[in-house]
Amino acid sequence: MIPLGHGNRPRDPDRRHRRPEGGAGGRARQGRRGPGADRAPELQIEKLKRELYGPRAERSARLIDQMELAFEELAAAATEDEITAEKAAARTTNVAAFTRNRPARKPFPEHLPRERVVEPAPSACSCCGGDRLRKIGEDVTETLEVIPRQWKVIQRVREKFSCRDCEKISQAPAPFHVTPRGWAGPSLLAMILFEKFGQHQPLNRQAERYAKEGVPLSLSTLADQVGAGCAALEPLIRRIEPSELRRPQTTPGSGLPWTRHWRKTD
């Protein structure tokens, strides 16, 4: 029985042992190869060499060309800078040197009192030791100083006198106080009002500062003095109001800042 192969064709058991025919068919198949078939490996090697070395060499060459171009531009720019500097130096003119004067300090206000303190003069010459000295001038150095605020209690004494004829007692009238039964002097009352309304210092901060200076004043005491001071200034406010608080205004609410505190609403 003959075995069947793929496609139900008879299988030739001697096919594997057959040699290729060397006749015209074989020579015809060999004749189909082109003349460059023998150089195929060499072409493949050249292609691999170009892929390996070609692009890198081209990139290096381009980089060198760019660097040379950059160096040429830098050299040209340096040459232009040197030419510009030479032209500027040729146009430069020498001027005479001058001494810069230091700005003078603004003098102190003239209304401040001056206290003259004369330093002890030398009794002998510092060079030869002689004592025959005469004044030829003086140098005055001014220093601004402040006297700390001082508190004091003014005692106004009213003596009593008795008449020997009628036994009537006579005494000087009581001094005037801005506030009824007031204990604060006019300067102290003005300072409290100005600190509150002019400097916007609350009464509690004023009380703390006065306590640090050795004069403890309670917050309620200061508030009473502020109310009494405002009541005492009421007649003055009425006189100022017609001329200051009721003047024509271009913008609503744009009054004098120091009169705005005393504006009242009905």
Foldseek 3Di string as FASTA:
>chain_A
DFDADPPRHGDDPCPVVDDDDPDPVVVVVVVVDDPCPVCVVVVVVVVVCCVVPVVVVVVVVVVVVVVVVVVVVVVVVVVVVVVVVVVVVVPDDDDDDDDDDDDDDDDDDPPDDDDDDDDDDDQADPPPGHRPDDDDDDDDDDDDDDDDDDDDADDDDWDWDADPVPRDIDIDDDDDDLFVVDRDHPVRLVVLLCCCQVVVDQLVVVQVVVVVVPHHDDSVRSVVSPVSNVVSCVVVLVVCCVPFVPDDDPDPPPGDSSCVVVDDDD
